[in-house]
mmCIF file of all heavy atoms, coordinates in Angstrom:
data_MODEL
# 
_entry.id   MODEL 
# 
loop_
_atom_site.group_PDB 
_atom_site.id 
_atom_site.type_symbol 
_atom_site.label_atom_id 
_atom_site.label_alt_id 
_atom_site.label_comp_id 
_atom_site.label_asym_id 
_atom_site.label_entity_id 
_atom_site.label_seq_id 
_atom_site.pdbx_PDB_ins_code 
_atom_site.Cartn_x 
_atom_site.Cartn_y 
_atom_site.Cartn_z 
_atom_site.occupancy 
_atom_site.B_iso_or_equiv 
_atom_site.pdbx_formal_charge 
_atom_site.auth_seq_id 
_atom_site.auth_comp_id 
_atom_site.auth_asym_id 
_atom_site.auth_atom_id 
_atom_site.pdbx_PDB_model_num 
ATOM 1   N N   . ALA A 1 1  ? -253.826 -16.009 96.411  1.00 0.00 ? 1  ALA A N   1 
ATOM 2   C CA  . ALA A 1 1  ? -253.661 -15.230 97.642  1.00 0.00 ? 1  ALA A CA  1 
ATOM 3   C C   . ALA A 1 1  ? -254.828 -14.269 97.846  1.00 0.00 ? 1  ALA A C   1 
ATOM 4   O O   . ALA A 1 1  ? -255.144 -13.901 98.985  1.00 0.00 ? 1  ALA A O   1 
ATOM 5   C CB  . ALA A 1 1  ? -252.353 -14.454 97.602  1.00 0.00 ? 1  ALA A CB  1 
ATOM 6   N N   . LYS A 1 2  ? -255.460 -13.875 96.741  1.00 0.00 ? 2  LYS A N   1 
ATOM 7   C CA  . LYS A 1 2  ? -256.585 -12.937 96.818  1.00 0.00 ? 2  LYS A CA  1 
ATOM 8   C C   . LYS A 1 2  ? -257.927 -13.606 96.574  1.00 0.00 ? 2  LYS A C   1 
ATOM 9   O O   . LYS A 1 2  ? -258.959 -12.935 96.523  1.00 0.00 ? 2  LYS A O   1 
ATOM 10  C CB  . LYS A 1 2  ? -256.381 -11.809 95.812  1.00 0.00 ? 2  LYS A CB  1 
ATOM 11  C CG  . LYS A 1 2  ? -255.177 -10.934 96.098  1.00 0.00 ? 2  LYS A CG  1 
ATOM 12  C CD  . LYS A 1 2  ? -255.065 -9.796  95.079  1.00 0.00 ? 2  LYS A CD  1 
ATOM 13  C CE  . LYS A 1 2  ? -253.886 -8.901  95.404  1.00 0.00 ? 2  LYS A CE  1 
ATOM 14  N NZ  . LYS A 1 2  ? -253.752 -7.784  94.427  1.00 0.00 ? 2  LYS A NZ  1 
ATOM 15  N N   . ASN A 1 3  ? -257.904 -14.924 96.381  1.00 0.00 ? 3  ASN A N   1 
ATOM 16  C CA  . ASN A 1 3  ? -259.147 -15.648 96.064  1.00 0.00 ? 3  ASN A CA  1 
ATOM 17  C C   . ASN A 1 3  ? -259.896 -14.990 94.903  1.00 0.00 ? 3  ASN A C   1 
ATOM 18  O O   . ASN A 1 3  ? -261.136 -14.847 94.935  1.00 0.00 ? 3  ASN A O   1 
ATOM 19  C CB  . ASN A 1 3  ? -260.069 -15.723 97.296  1.00 0.00 ? 3  ASN A CB  1 
ATOM 20  C CG  . ASN A 1 3  ? -259.611 -16.745 98.319  1.00 0.00 ? 3  ASN A CG  1 
ATOM 21  O OD1 . ASN A 1 3  ? -258.529 -17.328 98.178  1.00 0.00 ? 3  ASN A OD1 1 
ATOM 22  N ND2 . ASN A 1 3  ? -260.399 -16.950 99.344  1.00 0.00 ? 3  ASN A ND2 1 
ATOM 23  N N   . THR A 1 4  ? -259.158 -14.643 93.895  1.00 0.00 ? 4  THR A N   1 
ATOM 24  C CA  . THR A 1 4  ? -259.736 -13.891 92.783  1.00 0.00 ? 4  THR A CA  1 
ATOM 25  C C   . THR A 1 4  ? -259.315 -14.489 91.449  1.00 0.00 ? 4  THR A C   1 
ATOM 26  O O   . THR A 1 4  ? -258.150 -14.879 91.266  1.00 0.00 ? 4  THR A O   1 
ATOM 27  C CB  . THR A 1 4  ? -259.314 -12.414 92.850  1.00 0.00 ? 4  THR A CB  1 
ATOM 28  O OG1 . THR A 1 4  ? -259.769 -11.851 94.087  1.00 0.00 ? 4  THR A OG1 1 
ATOM 29  C CG2 . THR A 1 4  ? -259.912 -11.612 91.709  1.00 0.00 ? 4  THR A CG2 1 
ATOM 30  N N   . VAL A 1 5  ? -260.275 -14.545 90.536  1.00 0.00 ? 5  VAL A N   1 
ATOM 31  C CA  . VAL A 1 5  ? -259.999 -14.958 89.166  1.00 0.00 ? 5  VAL A CA  1 
ATOM 32  C C   . VAL A 1 5  ? -260.276 -13.761 88.259  1.00 0.00 ? 5  VAL A C   1 
ATOM 33  O O   . VAL A 1 5  ? -261.194 -12.976 88.525  1.00 0.00 ? 5  VAL A O   1 
ATOM 34  C CB  . VAL A 1 5  ? -260.835 -16.195 88.774  1.00 0.00 ? 5  VAL A CB  1 
ATOM 35  C CG1 . VAL A 1 5  ? -262.323 -15.913 88.836  1.00 0.00 ? 5  VAL A CG1 1 
ATOM 36  C CG2 . VAL A 1 5  ? -260.446 -16.711 87.395  1.00 0.00 ? 5  VAL A CG2 1 
ATOM 37  N N   . TYR A 1 6  ? -259.479 -13.647 87.205  1.00 0.00 ? 6  TYR A N   1 
ATOM 38  C CA  . TYR A 1 6  ? -259.562 -12.501 86.304  1.00 0.00 ? 6  TYR A CA  1 
ATOM 39  C C   . TYR A 1 6  ? -259.849 -12.981 84.882  1.00 0.00 ? 6  TYR A C   1 
ATOM 40  O O   . TYR A 1 6  ? -259.523 -14.104 84.508  1.00 0.00 ? 6  TYR A O   1 
ATOM 41  C CB  . TYR A 1 6  ? -258.246 -11.721 86.315  1.00 0.00 ? 6  TYR A CB  1 
ATOM 42  C CG  . TYR A 1 6  ? -257.824 -11.245 87.669  1.00 0.00 ? 6  TYR A CG  1 
ATOM 43  C CD1 . TYR A 1 6  ? -256.884 -11.961 88.410  1.00 0.00 ? 6  TYR A CD1 1 
ATOM 44  C CD2 . TYR A 1 6  ? -258.346 -10.081 88.227  1.00 0.00 ? 6  TYR A CD2 1 
ATOM 45  C CE1 . TYR A 1 6  ? -256.483 -11.539 89.663  1.00 0.00 ? 6  TYR A CE1 1 
ATOM 46  C CE2 . TYR A 1 6  ? -257.951 -9.643  89.482  1.00 0.00 ? 6  TYR A CE2 1 
ATOM 47  C CZ  . TYR A 1 6  ? -257.022 -10.384 90.192  1.00 0.00 ? 6  TYR A CZ  1 
ATOM 48  O OH  . TYR A 1 6  ? -256.629 -9.959  91.445  1.00 0.00 ? 6  TYR A OH  1 
ATOM 49  N N   . LEU A 1 7  ? -260.421 -12.072 84.124  1.00 0.00 ? 7  LEU A N   1 
ATOM 50  C CA  . LEU A 1 7  ? -260.565 -12.292 82.685  1.00 0.00 ? 7  LEU A CA  1 
ATOM 51  C C   . LEU A 1 7  ? -260.145 -11.009 81.977  1.00 0.00 ? 7  LEU A C   1 
ATOM 52  O O   . LEU A 1 7  ? -260.857 -10.010 82.030  1.00 0.00 ? 7  LEU A O   1 
ATOM 53  C CB  . LEU A 1 7  ? -262.002 -12.665 82.317  1.00 0.00 ? 7  LEU A CB  1 
ATOM 54  C CG  . LEU A 1 7  ? -262.208 -13.068 80.850  1.00 0.00 ? 7  LEU A CG  1 
ATOM 55  C CD1 . LEU A 1 7  ? -261.487 -14.394 80.553  1.00 0.00 ? 7  LEU A CD1 1 
ATOM 56  C CD2 . LEU A 1 7  ? -263.690 -13.193 80.511  1.00 0.00 ? 7  LEU A CD2 1 
ATOM 57  N N   . GLN A 1 8  ? -258.973 -11.059 81.371  1.00 0.00 ? 8  GLN A N   1 
ATOM 58  C CA  . GLN A 1 8  ? -258.486 -9.934  80.578  1.00 0.00 ? 8  GLN A CA  1 
ATOM 59  C C   . GLN A 1 8  ? -259.038 -10.081 79.171  1.00 0.00 ? 8  GLN A C   1 
ATOM 60  O O   . GLN A 1 8  ? -258.786 -11.102 78.510  1.00 0.00 ? 8  GLN A O   1 
ATOM 61  C CB  . GLN A 1 8  ? -256.959 -9.919  80.557  1.00 0.00 ? 8  GLN A CB  1 
ATOM 62  C CG  . GLN A 1 8  ? -256.371 -8.805  79.707  1.00 0.00 ? 8  GLN A CG  1 
ATOM 63  C CD  . GLN A 1 8  ? -256.633 -7.434  80.272  1.00 0.00 ? 8  GLN A CD  1 
ATOM 64  O OE1 . GLN A 1 8  ? -256.474 -7.210  81.469  1.00 0.00 ? 8  GLN A OE1 1 
ATOM 65  N NE2 . GLN A 1 8  ? -257.010 -6.489  79.419  1.00 0.00 ? 8  GLN A NE2 1 
ATOM 66  N N   . MET A 1 9  ? -259.760 -9.077  78.734  1.00 0.00 ? 9  MET A N   1 
ATOM 67  C CA  . MET A 1 9  ? -260.412 -9.130  77.420  1.00 0.00 ? 9  MET A CA  1 
ATOM 68  C C   . MET A 1 9  ? -259.843 -8.021  76.539  1.00 0.00 ? 9  MET A C   1 
ATOM 69  O O   . MET A 1 9  ? -260.019 -6.838  76.855  1.00 0.00 ? 9  MET A O   1 
ATOM 70  C CB  . MET A 1 9  ? -261.926 -8.979  77.578  1.00 0.00 ? 9  MET A CB  1 
ATOM 71  C CG  . MET A 1 9  ? -262.531 -9.980  78.551  1.00 0.00 ? 9  MET A CG  1 
ATOM 72  S SD  . MET A 1 9  ? -264.334 -9.910  78.602  1.00 0.00 ? 9  MET A SD  1 
ATOM 73  C CE  . MET A 1 9  ? -264.572 -8.266  79.271  1.00 0.00 ? 9  MET A CE  1 
ATOM 74  N N   . ASN A 1 10 ? -259.186 -8.424  75.481  1.00 0.00 ? 10 ASN A N   1 
ATOM 75  C CA  . ASN A 1 10 ? -258.593 -7.476  74.536  1.00 0.00 ? 10 ASN A CA  1 
ATOM 76  C C   . ASN A 1 10 ? -259.272 -7.613  73.182  1.00 0.00 ? 10 ASN A C   1 
ATOM 77  O O   . ASN A 1 10 ? -259.947 -8.603  72.902  1.00 0.00 ? 10 ASN A O   1 
ATOM 78  C CB  . ASN A 1 10 ? -257.098 -7.735  74.395  1.00 0.00 ? 10 ASN A CB  1 
ATOM 79  C CG  . ASN A 1 10 ? -256.336 -7.560  75.693  1.00 0.00 ? 10 ASN A CG  1 
ATOM 80  O OD1 . ASN A 1 10 ? -256.695 -6.724  76.530  1.00 0.00 ? 10 ASN A OD1 1 
ATOM 81  N ND2 . ASN A 1 10 ? -255.279 -8.329  75.868  1.00 0.00 ? 10 ASN A ND2 1 
ATOM 82  N N   . SER A 1 11 ? -259.060 -6.612  72.345  1.00 0.00 ? 11 SER A N   1 
ATOM 83  C CA  . SER A 1 11 ? -259.619 -6.616  70.981  1.00 0.00 ? 11 SER A CA  1 
ATOM 84  C C   . SER A 1 11 ? -261.109 -6.966  71.007  1.00 0.00 ? 11 SER A C   1 
ATOM 85  O O   . SER A 1 11 ? -261.583 -7.811  70.244  1.00 0.00 ? 11 SER A O   1 
ATOM 86  C CB  . SER A 1 11 ? -258.863 -7.622  70.108  1.00 0.00 ? 11 SER A CB  1 
ATOM 87  O OG  . SER A 1 11 ? -257.486 -7.308  70.056  1.00 0.00 ? 11 SER A OG  1 
ATOM 88  N N   . LEU A 1 12 ? -261.816 -6.299  71.866  1.00 0.00 ? 12 LEU A N   1 
ATOM 89  C CA  . LEU A 1 12 ? -263.235 -6.621  72.044  1.00 0.00 ? 12 LEU A CA  1 
ATOM 90  C C   . LEU A 1 12 ? -264.035 -6.316  70.792  1.00 0.00 ? 12 LEU A C   1 
ATOM 91  O O   . LEU A 1 12 ? -263.747 -5.360  70.057  1.00 0.00 ? 12 LEU A O   1 
ATOM 92  C CB  . LEU A 1 12 ? -263.801 -5.862  73.242  1.00 0.00 ? 12 LEU A CB  1 
ATOM 93  C CG  . LEU A 1 12 ? -263.414 -6.473  74.606  1.00 0.00 ? 12 LEU A CG  1 
ATOM 94  C CD1 . LEU A 1 12 ? -263.588 -5.453  75.718  1.00 0.00 ? 12 LEU A CD1 1 
ATOM 95  C CD2 . LEU A 1 12 ? -264.245 -7.704  74.868  1.00 0.00 ? 12 LEU A CD2 1 
ATOM 96  N N   . LYS A 1 13 ? -265.047 -7.145  70.569  1.00 0.00 ? 13 LYS A N   1 
ATOM 97  C CA  . LYS A 1 13 ? -265.925 -7.034  69.415  1.00 0.00 ? 13 LYS A CA  1 
ATOM 98  C C   . LYS A 1 13 ? -267.365 -6.840  69.889  1.00 0.00 ? 13 LYS A C   1 
ATOM 99  O O   . LYS A 1 13 ? -267.707 -7.253  70.997  1.00 0.00 ? 13 LYS A O   1 
ATOM 100 C CB  . LYS A 1 13 ? -265.850 -8.315  68.582  1.00 0.00 ? 13 LYS A CB  1 
ATOM 101 C CG  . LYS A 1 13 ? -264.457 -8.703  68.126  1.00 0.00 ? 13 LYS A CG  1 
ATOM 102 C CD  . LYS A 1 13 ? -264.480 -10.038 67.411  1.00 0.00 ? 13 LYS A CD  1 
ATOM 103 C CE  . LYS A 1 13 ? -263.094 -10.448 66.960  1.00 0.00 ? 13 LYS A CE  1 
ATOM 104 N NZ  . LYS A 1 13 ? -263.095 -11.757 66.242  1.00 0.00 ? 13 LYS A NZ  1 
ATOM 105 N N   . PRO A 1 14 ? -268.197 -6.254  69.068  1.00 0.00 ? 14 PRO A N   1 
ATOM 106 C CA  . PRO A 1 14 ? -269.615 -6.098  69.464  1.00 0.00 ? 14 PRO A CA  1 
ATOM 107 C C   . PRO A 1 14 ? -270.263 -7.427  69.862  1.00 0.00 ? 14 PRO A C   1 
ATOM 108 O O   . PRO A 1 14 ? -271.109 -7.447  70.762  1.00 0.00 ? 14 PRO A O   1 
ATOM 109 C CB  . PRO A 1 14 ? -270.254 -5.502  68.213  1.00 0.00 ? 14 PRO A CB  1 
ATOM 110 C CG  . PRO A 1 14 ? -269.152 -4.729  67.566  1.00 0.00 ? 14 PRO A CG  1 
ATOM 111 C CD  . PRO A 1 14 ? -267.918 -5.548  67.805  1.00 0.00 ? 14 PRO A CD  1 
ATOM 112 N N   . GLU A 1 15 ? -269.846 -8.511  69.235  1.00 0.00 ? 15 GLU A N   1 
ATOM 113 C CA  . GLU A 1 15 ? -270.427 -9.813  69.567  1.00 0.00 ? 15 GLU A CA  1 
ATOM 114 C C   . GLU A 1 15 ? -269.978 -10.341 70.932  1.00 0.00 ? 15 GLU A C   1 
ATOM 115 O O   . GLU A 1 15 ? -270.479 -11.375 71.379  1.00 0.00 ? 15 GLU A O   1 
ATOM 116 C CB  . GLU A 1 15 ? -270.122 -10.847 68.481  1.00 0.00 ? 15 GLU A CB  1 
ATOM 117 C CG  . GLU A 1 15 ? -268.674 -10.949 68.085  1.00 0.00 ? 15 GLU A CG  1 
ATOM 118 C CD  . GLU A 1 15 ? -268.348 -10.127 66.833  1.00 0.00 ? 15 GLU A CD  1 
ATOM 119 O OE1 . GLU A 1 15 ? -268.817 -8.975  66.743  1.00 0.00 ? 15 GLU A OE1 1 
ATOM 120 O OE2 . GLU A 1 15 ? -267.614 -10.658 65.979  1.00 0.00 ? 15 GLU A OE2 1 
ATOM 121 N N   . ASP A 1 16 ? -269.062 -9.643  71.590  1.00 0.00 ? 16 ASP A N   1 
ATOM 122 C CA  . ASP A 1 16 ? -268.687 -10.009 72.960  1.00 0.00 ? 16 ASP A CA  1 
ATOM 123 C C   . ASP A 1 16 ? -269.649 -9.408  73.977  1.00 0.00 ? 16 ASP A C   1 
ATOM 124 O O   . ASP A 1 16 ? -269.548 -9.708  75.172  1.00 0.00 ? 16 ASP A O   1 
ATOM 125 C CB  . ASP A 1 16 ? -267.269 -9.520  73.267  1.00 0.00 ? 16 ASP A CB  1 
ATOM 126 C CG  . ASP A 1 16 ? -266.206 -10.215 72.441  1.00 0.00 ? 16 ASP A CG  1 
ATOM 127 O OD1 . ASP A 1 16 ? -266.302 -11.446 72.267  1.00 0.00 ? 16 ASP A OD1 1 
ATOM 128 O OD2 . ASP A 1 16 ? -265.275 -9.523  71.964  1.00 0.00 ? 16 ASP A OD2 1 
ATOM 129 N N   . THR A 1 17 ? -270.565 -8.577  73.521  1.00 0.00 ? 17 THR A N   1 
ATOM 130 C CA  . THR A 1 17 ? -271.544 -7.967  74.419  1.00 0.00 ? 17 THR A CA  1 
ATOM 131 C C   . THR A 1 17 ? -272.387 -9.040  75.090  1.00 0.00 ? 17 THR A C   1 
ATOM 132 O O   . THR A 1 17 ? -272.993 -9.886  74.431  1.00 0.00 ? 17 THR A O   1 
ATOM 133 C CB  . THR A 1 17 ? -272.453 -7.002  73.647  1.00 0.00 ? 17 THR A CB  1 
ATOM 134 O OG1 . THR A 1 17 ? -271.666 -5.912  73.158  1.00 0.00 ? 17 THR A OG1 1 
ATOM 135 C CG2 . THR A 1 17 ? -273.574 -6.471  74.527  1.00 0.00 ? 17 THR A CG2 1 
ATOM 136 N N   . ALA A 1 18 ? -272.399 -9.031  76.419  1.00 0.00 ? 18 ALA A N   1 
ATOM 137 C CA  . ALA A 1 18 ? -273.111 -10.044 77.191  1.00 0.00 ? 18 ALA A CA  1 
ATOM 138 C C   . ALA A 1 18 ? -272.985 -9.720  78.678  1.00 0.00 ? 18 ALA A C   1 
ATOM 139 O O   . ALA A 1 18 ? -272.211 -8.847  79.064  1.00 0.00 ? 18 ALA A O   1 
ATOM 140 C CB  . ALA A 1 18 ? -272.521 -11.438 76.932  1.00 0.00 ? 18 ALA A CB  1 
ATOM 141 N N   . VAL A 1 19 ? -273.732 -10.453 79.475  1.00 0.00 ? 19 VAL A N   1 
ATOM 142 C CA  . VAL A 1 19 ? -273.484 -10.461 80.916  1.00 0.00 ? 19 VAL A CA  1 
ATOM 143 C C   . VAL A 1 19 ? -272.495 -11.588 81.172  1.00 0.00 ? 19 VAL A C   1 
ATOM 144 O O   . VAL A 1 19 ? -272.701 -12.726 80.727  1.00 0.00 ? 19 VAL A O   1 
ATOM 145 C CB  . VAL A 1 19 ? -274.780 -10.683 81.713  1.00 0.00 ? 19 VAL A CB  1 
ATOM 146 C CG1 . VAL A 1 19 ? -274.468 -10.733 83.213  1.00 0.00 ? 19 VAL A CG1 1 
ATOM 147 C CG2 . VAL A 1 19 ? -275.794 -9.581  81.419  1.00 0.00 ? 19 VAL A CG2 1 
ATOM 148 N N   . TYR A 1 20 ? -271.430 -11.265 81.882  1.00 0.00 ? 20 TYR A N   1 
ATOM 149 C CA  . TYR A 1 20 ? -270.375 -12.233 82.169  1.00 0.00 ? 20 TYR A CA  1 
ATOM 150 C C   . TYR A 1 20 ? -270.512 -12.705 83.616  1.00 0.00 ? 20 TYR A C   1 
ATOM 151 O O   . TYR A 1 20 ? -270.639 -11.891 84.541  1.00 0.00 ? 20 TYR A O   1 
ATOM 152 C CB  . TYR A 1 20 ? -269.013 -11.599 81.935  1.00 0.00 ? 20 TYR A CB  1 
ATOM 153 C CG  . TYR A 1 20 ? -268.667 -11.489 80.465  1.00 0.00 ? 20 TYR A CG  1 
ATOM 154 C CD1 . TYR A 1 20 ? -269.332 -10.581 79.639  1.00 0.00 ? 20 TYR A CD1 1 
ATOM 155 C CD2 . TYR A 1 20 ? -267.701 -12.313 79.885  1.00 0.00 ? 20 TYR A CD2 1 
ATOM 156 C CE1 . TYR A 1 20 ? -269.042 -10.503 78.290  1.00 0.00 ? 20 TYR A CE1 1 
ATOM 157 C CE2 . TYR A 1 20 ? -267.394 -12.225 78.543  1.00 0.00 ? 20 TYR A CE2 1 
ATOM 158 C CZ  . TYR A 1 20 ? -268.075 -11.321 77.750  1.00 0.00 ? 20 TYR A CZ  1 
ATOM 159 O OH  . TYR A 1 20 ? -267.777 -11.244 76.404  1.00 0.00 ? 20 TYR A OH  1 
ATOM 160 N N   . TYR A 1 21 ? -270.453 -14.021 83.762  1.00 0.00 ? 21 TYR A N   1 
ATOM 161 C CA  . TYR A 1 21 ? -270.629 -14.654 85.069  1.00 0.00 ? 21 TYR A CA  1 
ATOM 162 C C   . TYR A 1 21 ? -269.406 -15.474 85.450  1.00 0.00 ? 21 TYR A C   1 
ATOM 163 O O   . TYR A 1 21 ? -268.846 -16.186 84.625  1.00 0.00 ? 21 TYR A O   1 
ATOM 164 C CB  . TYR A 1 21 ? -271.829 -15.597 85.047  1.00 0.00 ? 21 TYR A CB  1 
ATOM 165 C CG  . TYR A 1 21 ? -273.156 -14.951 84.764  1.00 0.00 ? 21 TYR A CG  1 
ATOM 166 C CD1 . TYR A 1 21 ? -273.632 -14.848 83.457  1.00 0.00 ? 21 TYR A CD1 1 
ATOM 167 C CD2 . TYR A 1 21 ? -273.948 -14.452 85.796  1.00 0.00 ? 21 TYR A CD2 1 
ATOM 168 C CE1 . TYR A 1 21 ? -274.855 -14.271 83.190  1.00 0.00 ? 21 TYR A CE1 1 
ATOM 169 C CE2 . TYR A 1 21 ? -275.179 -13.872 85.537  1.00 0.00 ? 21 TYR A CE2 1 
ATOM 170 C CZ  . TYR A 1 21 ? -275.628 -13.777 84.231  1.00 0.00 ? 21 TYR A CZ  1 
ATOM 171 O OH  . TYR A 1 21 ? -276.845 -13.205 83.974  1.00 0.00 ? 21 TYR A OH  1 
ATOM 172 N N   . CYS A 1 22 ? -269.088 -15.415 86.707  1.00 0.00 ? 22 CYS A N   1 
ATOM 173 C CA  . CYS A 1 22 ? -268.072 -16.273 87.293  1.00 0.00 ? 22 CYS A CA  1 
ATOM 174 C C   . CYS A 1 22 ? -268.779 -17.491 87.878  1.00 0.00 ? 22 CYS A C   1 
ATOM 175 O O   . CYS A 1 22 ? -269.898 -17.377 88.392  1.00 0.00 ? 22 CYS A O   1 
ATOM 176 C CB  . CYS A 1 22 ? -267.355 -15.468 88.383  1.00 0.00 ? 22 CYS A CB  1 
ATOM 177 S SG  . CYS A 1 22 ? -266.195 -16.353 89.390  1.00 0.00 ? 22 CYS A SG  1 
ATOM 178 N N   . SER A 1 23 ? -268.110 -18.642 87.831  1.00 0.00 ? 23 SER A N   1 
ATOM 179 C CA  . SER A 1 23 ? -268.749 -19.863 88.314  1.00 0.00 ? 23 SER A CA  1 
ATOM 180 C C   . SER A 1 23 ? -267.737 -20.796 88.956  1.00 0.00 ? 23 SER A C   1 
ATOM 181 O O   . SER A 1 23 ? -266.581 -20.882 88.514  1.00 0.00 ? 23 SER A O   1 
ATOM 182 C CB  . SER A 1 23 ? -269.434 -20.585 87.143  1.00 0.00 ? 23 SER A CB  1 
ATOM 183 O OG  . SER A 1 23 ? -269.995 -21.805 87.560  1.00 0.00 ? 23 SER A OG  1 
ATOM 184 N N   . SER A 1 24 ? -268.195 -21.491 89.986  1.00 0.00 ? 24 SER A N   1 
ATOM 185 C CA  . SER A 1 24 ? -267.401 -22.545 90.591  1.00 0.00 ? 24 SER A CA  1 
ATOM 186 C C   . SER A 1 24 ? -268.354 -23.559 91.198  1.00 0.00 ? 24 SER A C   1 
ATOM 187 O O   . SER A 1 24 ? -269.572 -23.441 91.053  1.00 0.00 ? 24 SER A O   1 
ATOM 188 C CB  . SER A 1 24 ? -266.455 -21.971 91.646  1.00 0.00 ? 24 SER A CB  1 
ATOM 189 O OG  . SER A 1 24 ? -265.568 -22.971 92.098  1.00 0.00 ? 24 SER A OG  1 
ATOM 190 N N   . SER A 1 25 ? -267.793 -24.530 91.878  1.00 0.00 ? 25 SER A N   1 
ATOM 191 C CA  . SER A 1 25 ? -268.640 -25.566 92.453  1.00 0.00 ? 25 SER A CA  1 
ATOM 192 C C   . SER A 1 25 ? -268.149 -25.947 93.834  1.00 0.00 ? 25 SER A C   1 
ATOM 193 O O   . SER A 1 25 ? -266.977 -25.745 94.178  1.00 0.00 ? 25 SER A O   1 
ATOM 194 C CB  . SER A 1 25 ? -268.659 -26.804 91.551  1.00 0.00 ? 25 SER A CB  1 
ATOM 195 O OG  . SER A 1 25 ? -267.375 -27.376 91.478  1.00 0.00 ? 25 SER A OG  1 
ATOM 196 N N   . LYS A 1 26 ? -269.069 -26.502 94.608  1.00 0.00 ? 26 LYS A N   1 
ATOM 197 C CA  . LYS A 1 26 ? -268.743 -26.998 95.943  1.00 0.00 ? 26 LYS A CA  1 
ATOM 198 C C   . LYS A 1 26 ? -269.765 -28.057 96.314  1.00 0.00 ? 26 LYS A C   1 
ATOM 199 O O   . LYS A 1 26 ? -270.968 -27.841 96.146  1.00 0.00 ? 26 LYS A O   1 
ATOM 200 C CB  . LYS A 1 26 ? -268.765 -25.856 96.959  1.00 0.00 ? 26 LYS A CB  1 
ATOM 201 C CG  . LYS A 1 26 ? -268.415 -26.287 98.383  1.00 0.00 ? 26 LYS A CG  1 
ATOM 202 C CD  . LYS A 1 26 ? -268.456 -25.103 99.337  1.00 0.00 ? 26 LYS A CD  1 
ATOM 203 C CE  . LYS A 1 26 ? -268.106 -25.505 100.752 1.00 0.00 ? 26 LYS A CE  1 
ATOM 204 N NZ  . LYS A 1 26 ? -268.158 -24.355 101.691 1.00 0.00 ? 26 LYS A NZ  1 
# 
């Protein structure tokens, strides 16, 4: 309904450090 995707990230670790990208195709 909101055209939105989420990523809930818990128990984060230093190795999760990054730029996070959303992706789709058309």
